[in-house]
């Protein structure tokens, strides 16, 4: 009886052992299968990622090759190079291209340009190019920065001002100082006039400087230059063809006279007309806050009947995102206590009108925290009519940080007011009897970069009572009031992105044609 039970138990144990071994083998084989499948999937993902990377790289190289061909073509003129640069962007920006892998499989590449800055005045391009390859759900993105300069000449494209004060007619000083921001710089004042007493520099402190007369027929003596009680200390007067803007070149090279700058509102008016031609080109907003997303300006074109920054003063600090281009058209502009930062650019255009810009009360602090050239304000008025010259006054203790451009205006900076940036006005129809730009009672103009520029091509710039400028003056007439103790600290660096046109730029043509330079920064993955 016991033996029978034992045999029966052994049979049960055998069956259980077989089932256990079968289960173990099944799990083992299943595990191997899962690992194999995972490895295959990982291998496919790696292959797709590599394909996407090579696609992005191939697309980027395709664009860079077009820049290289443009750079290497020595027969092109500057306008042709500029058109070529524009064509490359039009061809690839926000476009998708299909490339082929080695096995013939298609792969998509998308391109776009960021921080695109084509400077037509200084003839240079700086842009970031982004190329994105995609295979399946795998995306790889590469970027690089291209710097391309294509100006005329054999030396650097950096432009510098030559004169602390450069006028069409007369310079009159009294109790003033003209010095430089660097001892190695020569301070110069110059006039295009040959009239008697066109330069009257009584009581001027002017050390190691030069007074230039641009017409060889002029006499460099007391008939043309009247200097009573001035402290010249090594300065000299000379007859010489003069220049407004120079490129770095050897001292022995002849200087070239060029025309006065033109305050030209045509380009900005054309841009406004194109924007306003269709409501699809801009957004109409009814409040200043509608221009913002949080504390950042929205990108794009906008129209607002009255732009009053006082309504944004509670926010105080606003930003413009990198790469943003904000263009605001308005009928009336009022400044307020607002600081603007970020690498984006804001352009404000004020439509023609009798009362279009208000600078508000004392102590207003308005504008950029740095990079003043990225806030440009155009105030349009009826040009060429003296009686319609627009009057704008910057109040006591105010601080404005922007580039200001007036088609036809008389602008006054009151006691202790400051401008960081630059100011341009077409002035008052050749009428220099009334100031076009006036600095009173310790008013000061400079910029965060040091240099600033005052331009009043058809009017008079007037300084008095300890007012000061770091930069340079270009005007029809320039006057520093007797006993005012005002100061000009000449800084020759040319302000960036000037909004006026130079009618006859310097052109030093070399046998090699254009002095082009192409720099391609290291490609990196996002």
Protein backbone atom coordinates (compact mmCIF):
# COMPACT_ATOMS: atom_id res chain seq x y z
CA UNK A 1 0.00 0.00 0.00
CA UNK A 2 2.84 2.34 0.90
CA UNK A 3 4.76 1.44 -2.28
CA UNK A 4 1.80 2.31 -4.46
CA UNK A 5 1.53 5.76 -2.85
CA UNK A 6 5.23 6.41 -3.32
CA UNK A 7 5.07 5.72 -7.04
CA UNK A 8 2.06 7.93 -7.37
CA UNK A 9 3.88 10.81 -5.58
CA UNK A 10 6.90 10.41 -7.85
CA UNK A 11 4.73 10.75 -10.94
CA UNK A 12 3.30 14.01 -9.59
CA UNK A 13 6.74 15.39 -8.85
CA UNK A 14 7.89 14.59 -12.36
CA UNK A 15 4.96 16.43 -13.92
CA UNK A 16 5.56 19.47 -11.74
CA UNK A 17 9.28 19.49 -12.61
CA UNK A 18 8.50 19.44 -16.32
CA UNK A 19 6.02 22.28 -15.99
CA UNK A 20 8.53 24.33 -13.98
CA UNK A 21 11.29 23.81 -16.54
CA UNK A 22 8.90 24.72 -19.35
CA UNK A 23 7.92 27.93 -17.56
CA UNK A 24 11.56 28.88 -16.96
CA UNK A 25 12.46 28.26 -20.58
CA UNK A 26 9.45 30.26 -21.76
CA UNK A 27 10.42 33.22 -19.60
CA UNK A 28 14.03 32.96 -20.74
CA UNK A 29 13.11 32.89 -24.42
CA UNK A 30 10.59 35.71 -23.90
CA UNK A 31 13.22 37.82 -22.17
CA UNK A 32 15.68 37.27 -24.99
CA UNK A 33 12.98 38.20 -27.50
CA UNK A 34 12.09 41.41 -25.64
CA UNK A 35 15.74 42.44 -25.40
CA UNK A 36 16.20 41.74 -29.09
CA UNK A 37 13.13 43.76 -30.03
CA UNK A 38 14.27 46.62 -27.75
CA UNK A 39 17.71 46.58 -29.33
CA UNK A 40 16.19 46.66 -32.78
CA UNK A 41 13.95 49.60 -31.80
CA UNK A 42 16.89 51.42 -30.23
CA UNK A 43 18.98 50.77 -33.29
CA UNK A 44 16.19 52.17 -35.49
CA UNK A 45 15.87 55.25 -33.26
CA UNK A 46 19.63 55.81 -33.37
CA UNK A 47 19.60 55.44 -37.13
CA UNK A 48 16.72 57.93 -37.42
CA UNK A 49 18.47 60.39 -35.09
CA UNK A 50 21.68 60.14 -37.09
CA UNK A 51 19.79 60.58 -40.34
CA UNK A 52 17.98 63.64 -38.95
CA UNK A 53 21.31 65.14 -37.81
CA UNK A 54 22.97 64.57 -41.20
CA UNK A 55 19.93 66.04 -42.93
CA UNK A 56 20.07 69.20 -40.77
CA UNK A 57 23.82 69.45 -41.40
CA UNK A 58 23.42 68.92 -45.13
CA UNK A 59 20.73 71.57 -45.34
CA UNK A 60 22.84 74.05 -43.39
CA UNK A 61 25.86 73.41 -45.62
CA UNK A 62 23.68 74.01 -48.67
CA UNK A 63 22.86 77.55 -47.46
CA UNK A 64 26.43 78.28 -46.36
CA UNK A 65 27.71 77.23 -49.78
CA UNK A 66 25.54 79.93 -51.37
CA UNK A 67 27.10 82.55 -49.07
CA UNK A 68 30.57 81.26 -50.00
CA UNK A 69 29.80 81.55 -53.73
CA UNK A 70 28.56 85.11 -53.17
CA UNK A 71 31.72 85.89 -51.24
CA UNK A 72 34.04 84.40 -53.87
CA UNK A 73 32.42 86.17 -56.85
CA UNK A 74 34.79 89.14 -57.33
CA UNK A 75 32.79 90.63 -60.22
CA UNK A 76 29.80 91.69 -58.10
CA UNK A 77 29.07 95.26 -57.03
CA UNK A 78 27.86 96.12 -53.52
CA UNK A 79 24.19 96.38 -54.62
CA UNK A 80 24.49 93.00 -56.36
CA UNK A 81 25.93 91.42 -53.21
CA UNK A 82 23.12 92.97 -51.18
CA UNK A 83 20.52 91.58 -53.60
CA UNK A 84 22.20 88.19 -53.42
CA UNK A 85 22.00 88.20 -49.63
CA UNK A 86 18.31 89.03 -49.83
CA UNK A 87 17.69 86.27 -52.39
CA UNK A 88 19.30 83.65 -50.13
CA UNK A 89 16.99 84.56 -47.28
CA UNK A 90 13.91 84.62 -49.54
CA UNK A 91 14.84 81.20 -50.93
CA UNK A 92 15.26 79.42 -47.59
CA UNK A 93 13.54 81.35 -44.79
CA UNK A 94 10.61 79.35 -43.34
CA UNK A 95 10.93 76.84 -46.18
CA UNK A 96 10.97 73.00 -46.12
CA UNK A 97 13.17 70.98 -48.46
CA UNK A 98 13.22 67.24 -49.15
CA UNK A 99 16.66 65.60 -49.20
CA UNK A 100 17.57 61.97 -49.96
CA UNK A 101 19.45 59.59 -47.70
CA UNK A 102 22.09 57.26 -49.13
CA UNK A 103 19.49 54.51 -49.35
CA UNK A 104 17.18 56.83 -51.26
CA UNK A 105 14.72 57.39 -48.44
CA UNK A 106 13.35 60.97 -48.27
CA UNK A 107 14.00 63.21 -45.26
CA UNK A 108 12.58 66.68 -44.62
CA UNK A 109 14.69 69.72 -43.63
CA UNK A 110 13.17 73.01 -42.48
CA UNK A 111 15.11 76.32 -42.46
CA UNK A 112 14.64 79.69 -40.84
CA UNK A 113 16.69 82.82 -40.09
CA UNK A 114 16.84 84.44 -36.64
CA UNK A 115 18.25 87.80 -35.53
CA UNK A 116 18.50 88.86 -39.19
CA UNK A 117 20.28 92.22 -39.32
CA UNK A 118 21.09 93.59 -42.79
CA UNK A 119 22.73 97.00 -42.33
CA UNK A 120 22.56 98.72 -45.71
CA UNK A 121 24.47 101.79 -44.51
CA UNK A 122 27.51 99.97 -43.15
CA UNK A 123 27.05 97.21 -45.76
CA UNK A 124 27.06 94.20 -43.49
CA UNK A 125 24.91 91.23 -42.54
CA UNK A 126 24.74 89.32 -39.27
CA UNK A 127 22.24 86.47 -39.02
CA UNK A 128 21.65 83.15 -37.28
CA UNK A 129 20.64 80.30 -39.58
CA UNK A 130 18.69 77.35 -38.18
CA UNK A 131 18.33 73.99 -39.98
CA UNK A 132 16.03 71.26 -38.63
CA UNK A 133 16.06 67.70 -39.94
CA UNK A 134 13.25 65.24 -39.19
CA UNK A 135 13.01 61.47 -39.75
CA UNK A 136 9.86 59.92 -38.39
CA UNK A 137 9.28 61.44 -34.99
CA UNK A 138 12.97 62.22 -34.44
CA UNK A 139 14.05 65.88 -34.84
CA UNK A 140 17.61 67.27 -34.77
CA UNK A 141 18.24 71.05 -34.97
CA UNK A 142 21.51 72.82 -35.83
CA UNK A 143 22.36 76.54 -35.92
CA UNK A 144 25.25 78.78 -36.91
CA UNK A 145 25.91 82.52 -37.17
CA UNK A 146 27.02 84.16 -40.42
CA UNK A 147 28.76 87.57 -40.55
CA UNK A 148 29.18 89.04 -44.02
CA UNK A 149 30.58 92.52 -44.81
CA UNK A 150 30.80 93.70 -48.40
CA UNK A 151 31.80 97.39 -48.40
CA UNK A 152 34.14 99.29 -50.69
CA UNK A 153 37.76 99.83 -49.74
CA UNK A 154 40.78 97.99 -48.49
CA UNK A 155 40.42 98.61 -44.77
CA UNK A 156 37.93 98.11 -41.98
CA UNK A 157 34.30 99.05 -42.54
CA UNK A 158 34.10 100.82 -39.18
CA UNK A 159 33.17 104.46 -39.84
CA UNK A 160 34.24 107.40 -37.71
CA UNK A 161 33.33 111.06 -37.51
CA UNK A 162 36.10 113.52 -38.26
CA UNK A 163 34.76 116.70 -36.65
CA UNK A 164 33.50 117.68 -33.23
CA UNK A 165 31.53 120.45 -34.96
CA UNK A 166 30.84 120.50 -38.69
CA UNK A 167 28.64 123.28 -40.15
CA UNK A 168 27.48 124.59 -43.46
CA UNK A 169 27.66 128.25 -42.37
CA UNK A 170 28.93 129.62 -39.06
CA UNK A 171 30.43 128.56 -35.73
CA UNK A 172 30.26 130.98 -32.80
CA UNK A 173 31.57 130.14 -29.35
CA UNK A 174 31.93 131.98 -26.06
CA UNK A 175 33.17 130.59 -22.78
CA UNK A 176 33.28 127.04 -24.10
CA UNK A 177 35.53 124.00 -24.15
CA UNK A 178 36.00 121.53 -27.00
CA UNK A 179 38.05 118.49 -26.03
CA UNK A 180 38.25 114.79 -26.89
CA UNK A 181 37.34 111.52 -25.20
CA UNK A 182 40.88 110.24 -25.88
CA UNK A 183 44.18 112.21 -25.91
CA UNK A 184 45.20 110.49 -29.16
CA UNK A 185 42.19 112.00 -31.03
CA UNK A 186 42.51 115.36 -32.77
CA UNK A 187 39.52 117.64 -32.11
CA UNK A 188 38.42 119.50 -35.24
CA UNK A 189 35.84 122.11 -36.13
CA UNK A 190 35.04 122.96 -39.74
CA UNK A 191 32.80 125.04 -41.96
CA UNK A 192 31.90 124.86 -45.64
CA UNK A 193 31.44 128.65 -45.71
CA UNK A 194 33.91 131.18 -47.11
CA UNK A 195 32.09 134.17 -45.61
CA UNK A 196 33.78 136.71 -43.34
CA UNK A 197 33.76 135.71 -39.65
CA UNK A 198 32.18 132.35 -40.42
CA UNK A 199 34.11 131.02 -37.43
CA UNK A 200 34.05 133.27 -34.37
CA UNK A 201 35.68 131.47 -31.47
CA UNK A 202 36.04 134.02 -28.71
CA UNK A 203 36.92 132.59 -25.29
CA UNK A 204 37.25 128.99 -26.48
CA UNK A 205 39.45 126.39 -24.80
CA UNK A 206 40.64 124.23 -27.67
CA UNK A 207 43.78 122.14 -27.11
CA UNK A 208 45.77 120.39 -29.86
CA UNK A 209 42.92 120.82 -32.30
CA UNK A 210 42.44 121.93 -35.88
CA UNK A 211 40.10 124.41 -37.54
CA UNK A 212 39.44 123.34 -41.11
CA UNK A 213 38.23 125.53 -43.95
CA UNK A 214 36.97 123.46 -46.83
CA UNK A 215 37.31 125.91 -49.70
CA UNK A 216 40.86 126.59 -50.97
CA UNK A 217 39.79 130.16 -51.77
CA UNK A 218 39.16 130.87 -48.09
CA UNK A 219 41.73 132.76 -46.03
CA UNK A 220 42.72 131.14 -42.76
CA UNK A 221 43.07 134.46 -40.96
CA UNK A 222 41.08 136.92 -38.87
CA UNK A 223 38.79 137.66 -41.79
CA UNK A 224 37.45 134.14 -41.70
CA UNK A 225 38.43 132.97 -38.21
CA UNK A 226 38.00 135.46 -35.38
CA UNK A 227 39.64 134.29 -32.16
CA UNK A 228 39.53 136.66 -29.23
CA UNK A 229 40.86 135.44 -25.89
CA UNK A 230 40.73 131.79 -26.95
CA UNK A 231 43.20 129.29 -25.50
CA UNK A 232 44.40 127.38 -28.52
CA UNK A 233 47.39 125.63 -26.91
CA UNK A 234 48.89 123.90 -29.92
CA UNK A 235 45.84 124.08 -32.16
CA UNK A 236 46.14 125.31 -35.72
CA UNK A 237 44.05 126.63 -38.55
CA UNK A 238 44.37 125.10 -41.98
CA UNK A 239 42.73 125.10 -45.39
CA UNK A 240 41.77 121.63 -46.44
CA UNK A 241 39.10 119.62 -48.17
CA UNK A 242 37.14 118.09 -45.34
CA UNK A 243 34.98 115.06 -44.73
CA UNK A 244 31.93 114.28 -42.65
CA UNK A 245 32.63 110.57 -42.31
CA UNK A 246 35.91 108.76 -42.88
CA UNK A 247 37.04 105.20 -43.01
CA UNK A 248 40.31 104.19 -41.36
CA UNK A 249 43.04 104.87 -43.87
CA UNK A 250 46.63 106.20 -43.89
CA UNK A 251 47.07 109.83 -42.85
CA UNK A 252 48.85 110.66 -46.10
CA UNK A 253 45.80 109.69 -48.16
CA UNK A 254 43.92 112.68 -49.59
CA UNK A 255 40.72 113.63 -47.80
CA UNK A 256 37.51 113.70 -49.76
CA UNK A 257 34.70 116.20 -49.34
CA UNK A 258 31.19 114.80 -49.25
CA UNK A 259 27.77 116.38 -48.99
CA UNK A 260 25.80 117.06 -45.85
CA UNK A 261 23.55 114.26 -44.57
CA UNK A 262 19.94 114.36 -45.71
CA UNK A 263 17.18 113.97 -43.15
CA UNK A 264 15.04 111.80 -45.38
CA UNK A 265 11.60 110.65 -44.21
CA UNK A 266 10.74 108.98 -47.52
CA UNK A 267 11.88 105.45 -46.52
CA UNK A 268 9.95 105.46 -43.23
CA UNK A 269 6.85 106.96 -44.90
CA UNK A 270 7.00 104.28 -47.59
CA UNK A 271 7.24 101.59 -44.92
CA UNK A 272 4.23 103.04 -43.09
CA UNK A 273 2.22 103.27 -46.33
CA UNK A 274 2.97 99.63 -47.13
CA UNK A 275 1.88 98.54 -43.65
CA UNK A 276 -1.32 100.57 -43.70
CA UNK A 277 -2.23 99.45 -47.24
CA UNK A 278 -4.01 96.41 -45.85
CA UNK A 279 -5.55 95.65 -42.46
CA UNK A 280 -3.94 92.22 -42.68
CA UNK A 281 -0.55 93.90 -42.30
CA UNK A 282 -1.19 95.37 -38.84
CA UNK A 283 -3.29 95.07 -35.71
CA UNK A 284 -5.37 97.97 -34.40
CA UNK A 285 -5.31 98.22 -30.61
CA UNK A 286 -7.29 100.52 -28.31
CA UNK A 287 -5.01 100.45 -25.29
CA UNK A 288 -1.31 100.39 -24.53
CA UNK A 289 -1.59 97.11 -22.62
CA UNK A 290 -2.87 95.44 -25.81
CA UNK A 291 0.64 95.96 -27.21
CA UNK A 292 1.98 93.67 -24.50
CA UNK A 293 1.98 90.05 -23.51
CA UNK A 294 2.62 90.31 -19.80
CA UNK A 295 5.49 92.79 -19.62
CA UNK A 296 6.88 92.00 -23.10
CA UNK A 297 6.00 93.82 -26.31
CA UNK A 298 4.21 91.67 -28.87
CA UNK A 299 6.00 91.16 -32.14
CA UNK A 300 4.49 92.74 -35.29
CA UNK A 301 2.92 95.93 -36.66
CA UNK A 302 0.33 97.92 -34.68
CA UNK A 303 -1.80 101.06 -34.95
CA UNK A 304 -3.01 102.96 -31.90
CA UNK A 305 -4.64 106.39 -32.02
CA UNK A 306 -2.74 107.69 -29.00
CA UNK A 307 0.30 105.96 -27.53
CA UNK A 308 0.57 107.15 -23.93
CA UNK A 309 3.42 105.51 -22.03
CA UNK A 310 2.10 107.03 -18.82
CA UNK A 311 -0.57 104.32 -18.97
CA UNK A 312 2.24 101.74 -18.73
CA UNK A 313 4.20 103.47 -15.96
CA UNK A 314 2.77 101.15 -13.29
CA UNK A 315 4.54 98.24 -15.04
CA UNK A 316 7.70 100.33 -15.17
CA UNK A 317 10.06 97.73 -16.72
CA UNK A 318 9.18 96.28 -20.13
CA UNK A 319 11.10 94.00 -22.49
CA UNK A 320 11.42 93.34 -26.22
CA UNK A 321 12.32 89.72 -26.91
CA UNK A 322 15.37 88.78 -28.96
CA UNK A 323 14.66 88.99 -32.65
CA UNK A 324 11.38 90.88 -32.20
CA UNK A 325 10.57 93.76 -34.58
CA UNK A 326 7.83 95.97 -33.12
CA UNK A 327 6.49 98.74 -35.37
CA UNK A 328 3.91 101.11 -33.85
CA UNK A 329 2.05 103.78 -35.84
CA UNK A 330 0.23 106.44 -33.83
CA UNK A 331 -1.34 109.89 -34.17
CA UNK A 332 -0.11 111.15 -30.79
CA UNK A 333 2.75 110.12 -28.53
CA UNK A 334 3.22 110.85 -24.84
CA UNK A 335 6.29 109.72 -22.92
CA UNK A 336 6.12 108.22 -19.43
CA UNK A 337 8.21 106.54 -16.76
CA UNK A 338 8.98 103.32 -18.62
CA UNK A 339 12.27 101.44 -19.02
CA UNK A 340 12.69 99.08 -21.97
CA UNK A 341 15.24 96.27 -22.21
CA UNK A 342 15.93 93.21 -24.39
CA UNK A 343 17.58 92.73 -27.79
CA UNK A 344 14.49 93.35 -29.92
CA UNK A 345 13.81 96.64 -31.71
CA UNK A 346 10.91 99.09 -31.42
CA UNK A 347 10.13 101.70 -34.08
CA UNK A 348 7.49 104.34 -33.34
CA UNK A 349 6.15 106.50 -36.16
CA UNK A 350 4.03 109.53 -35.25
CA UNK A 351 1.72 110.71 -38.05
CA UNK A 352 1.85 114.36 -39.17
CA UNK A 353 -0.10 116.74 -36.95
CA UNK A 354 0.04 120.05 -35.11
CA UNK A 355 0.47 118.52 -31.63
CA UNK A 356 1.80 115.02 -31.99
CA UNK A 357 4.40 114.46 -29.25
CA UNK A 358 4.22 115.26 -25.55
CA UNK A 359 7.18 114.79 -23.25
CA UNK A 360 5.07 115.18 -20.08
CA UNK A 361 6.19 116.62 -16.75
CA UNK A 362 9.44 117.08 -14.90
CA UNK A 363 11.63 114.11 -14.09
CA UNK A 364 10.21 111.70 -16.68
CA UNK A 365 12.57 108.75 -17.21
CA UNK A 366 11.75 107.04 -20.50
CA UNK A 367 13.44 104.71 -22.97
CA UNK A 368 15.97 101.95 -23.32
CA UNK A 369 18.16 100.76 -20.47
CA UNK A 370 20.91 100.28 -23.11
CA UNK A 371 21.24 99.98 -26.92
CA UNK A 372 19.36 103.24 -27.53
CA UNK A 373 19.46 102.66 -31.29
CA UNK A 374 16.88 99.88 -30.79
CA UNK A 375 14.23 102.44 -29.86
CA UNK A 376 13.74 104.79 -32.82
CA UNK A 377 11.05 107.47 -32.72
CA UNK A 378 10.08 109.27 -35.95
CA UNK A 379 7.92 112.38 -35.54
CA UNK A 380 6.57 113.47 -38.91
CA UNK A 381 5.48 117.04 -39.64
CA UNK A 382 4.82 119.22 -42.66
CA UNK A 383 8.30 119.60 -44.09
CA UNK A 384 9.73 122.68 -45.77
CA UNK A 385 7.42 125.22 -44.10
CA UNK A 386 9.02 127.27 -41.32
CA UNK A 387 5.77 128.29 -39.65
CA UNK A 388 4.74 124.66 -39.30
CA UNK A 389 7.89 123.59 -37.48
CA UNK A 390 6.85 121.44 -34.56
CA UNK A 391 7.94 122.51 -31.06
CA UNK A 392 8.92 119.86 -28.52
CA UNK A 393 10.41 120.48 -25.08
CA UNK A 394 12.06 117.93 -22.81
CA UNK A 395 11.22 118.98 -19.28
CA UNK A 396 13.49 119.69 -16.32
CA UNK A 397 15.34 116.65 -14.94
CA UNK A 398 13.89 114.33 -17.60
CA UNK A 399 15.96 111.50 -19.10
CA UNK A 400 15.10 110.15 -22.55
CA UNK A 401 16.97 107.15 -23.97
CA UNK A 402 16.29 106.68 -27.68
CA UNK A 403 17.09 107.82 -31.20
CA UNK A 404 14.82 110.77 -32.03
CA UNK A 405 14.16 111.88 -35.60
CA UNK A 406 12.02 114.91 -36.47
CA UNK A 407 11.17 115.88 -40.01
CA UNK A 408 10.79 119.56 -39.16
CA UNK A 409 11.04 120.59 -35.53
CA UNK A 410 12.53 122.89 -32.92
CA UNK A 411 13.65 120.80 -29.99
CA UNK A 412 14.61 122.14 -26.57
CA UNK A 413 16.23 120.36 -23.61
CA UNK A 414 15.46 122.18 -20.38
CA UNK A 415 17.37 122.35 -17.13
CA UNK A 416 19.21 119.14 -16.19
CA UNK A 417 17.41 117.17 -18.89
CA UNK A 418 19.33 114.34 -20.57
CA UNK A 419 19.21 112.48 -23.84
CA UNK A 420 21.02 109.17 -24.20
CA UNK A 421 21.15 108.37 -27.88
CA UNK A 422 21.02 110.77 -30.82
CA UNK A 423 18.75 113.44 -32.25
CA UNK A 424 18.12 114.46 -35.85
CA UNK A 425 15.90 117.18 -37.27
CA UNK A 426 15.37 118.50 -40.77
CA UNK A 427 14.98 121.85 -38.99
CA UNK A 428 13.24 124.98 -40.13
CA UNK A 429 13.47 125.40 -43.88
CA UNK A 430 16.94 126.91 -43.84
CA UNK A 431 15.97 129.49 -41.22
CA UNK A 432 18.87 129.53 -38.74
CA UNK A 433 17.74 132.64 -36.85
CA UNK A 434 15.76 130.40 -34.51
CA UNK A 435 17.28 127.37 -32.83
CA UNK A 436 16.53 123.91 -34.15
CA UNK A 437 18.08 122.07 -31.20
CA UNK A 438 18.79 123.88 -27.94
CA UNK A 439 20.51 122.66 -24.77
CA UNK A 440 19.84 124.81 -21.69
CA UNK A 441 21.09 124.91 -18.10
CA UNK A 442 23.18 121.77 -17.64
CA UNK A 443 21.27 119.77 -20.25
CA UNK A 444 23.37 116.81 -21.40
CA UNK A 445 23.42 114.52 -24.43
CA UNK A 446 25.47 111.31 -24.66
CA UNK A 447 24.75 107.57 -24.92
CA UNK A 448 25.43 104.35 -23.08
CA UNK A 449 28.15 103.65 -25.65
CA UNK A 450 29.73 107.05 -25.08
CA UNK A 451 29.05 108.78 -28.37
CA UNK A 452 25.96 110.67 -29.45
CA UNK A 453 25.12 112.79 -32.46
CA UNK A 454 23.20 116.03 -32.95
CA UNK A 455 22.15 116.72 -36.54
CA UNK A 456 20.24 119.81 -37.68
CA UNK A 457 21.10 120.11 -41.35
CA UNK A 458 19.05 123.25 -42.01
CA UNK A 459 19.02 124.93 -38.62
CA UNK A 460 21.00 126.12 -35.62
CA UNK A 461 22.24 124.13 -32.64
CA UNK A 462 22.48 126.30 -29.52
CA UNK A 463 24.13 125.49 -26.18
CA UNK A 464 24.24 127.57 -22.98
CA UNK A 465 24.82 127.59 -19.22
CA UNK A 466 26.98 124.50 -18.57
CA UNK A 467 25.19 122.27 -21.05
CA UNK A 468 27.27 119.43 -22.46
CA UNK A 469 27.54 116.91 -25.28
CA UNK A 470 29.65 113.79 -25.66
CA UNK A 471 29.76 113.08 -29.38
CA UNK A 472 29.55 115.52 -32.28
CA UNK A 473 27.42 118.22 -33.94
CA UNK A 474 26.44 118.56 -37.60
CA UNK A 475 24.37 121.66 -38.35
CA UNK A 476 23.84 124.66 -40.59
CA UNK A 477 24.99 126.94 -37.75
CA UNK A 478 26.37 126.27 -34.29
CA UNK A 479 26.37 128.65 -31.35
CA UNK A 480 27.60 128.45 -27.75
CA UNK A 481 26.34 131.42 -25.76
CA UNK A 482 28.87 133.83 -24.26
CA UNK A 483 29.92 132.91 -20.74
CA UNK A 484 27.95 129.66 -20.83
CA UNK A 485 30.91 127.37 -19.96
CA UNK A 486 29.40 124.62 -22.10
CA UNK A 487 31.48 121.62 -23.13
CA UNK A 488 31.76 119.32 -26.12
CA UNK A 489 33.70 116.10 -25.58
CA UNK A 490 34.35 114.81 -29.07
CA UNK A 491 33.91 111.06 -29.57
CA UNK A 492 34.50 110.01 -33.20
CA UNK A 493 32.77 106.62 -33.04
CA UNK A 494 29.87 106.70 -35.45
CA UNK A 495 26.48 105.90 -33.82
CA UNK A 496 25.07 102.61 -35.05
CA UNK A 497 21.99 102.34 -37.27
CA UNK A 498 21.78 106.04 -38.09
CA UNK A 499 18.34 106.82 -39.53
CA UNK A 500 19.50 109.49 -41.98
CA UNK A 501 21.13 109.05 -45.37
CA UNK A 502 24.55 110.30 -46.43
CA UNK A 503 24.12 111.70 -49.91
CA UNK A 504 27.64 110.95 -51.18
CA UNK A 505 29.37 108.31 -49.08
CA UNK A 506 33.13 107.91 -49.02
CA UNK A 507 34.27 105.48 -51.67
CA UNK A 508 37.92 104.44 -51.71
CA UNK A 509 37.95 101.88 -54.51
CA UNK A 510 40.80 99.39 -54.52
CA UNK A 511 41.99 97.27 -57.47
CA UNK A 512 40.54 94.26 -55.69
CA UNK A 513 37.03 95.74 -55.77
CA UNK A 514 34.85 95.13 -52.73
CA UNK A 515 36.50 94.48 -49.39
CA UNK A 516 34.35 91.48 -48.52
CA UNK A 517 34.66 89.41 -45.37
CA UNK A 518 32.74 86.21 -44.57
CA UNK A 519 32.80 84.70 -41.08
CA UNK A 520 30.89 81.48 -40.28
CA UNK A 521 30.70 80.68 -36.60
CA UNK A 522 30.93 77.15 -35.18
CA UNK A 523 27.84 75.06 -35.81
CA UNK A 524 26.13 73.86 -32.65
CA UNK A 525 23.10 71.74 -31.86
CA UNK A 526 20.13 73.12 -30.00
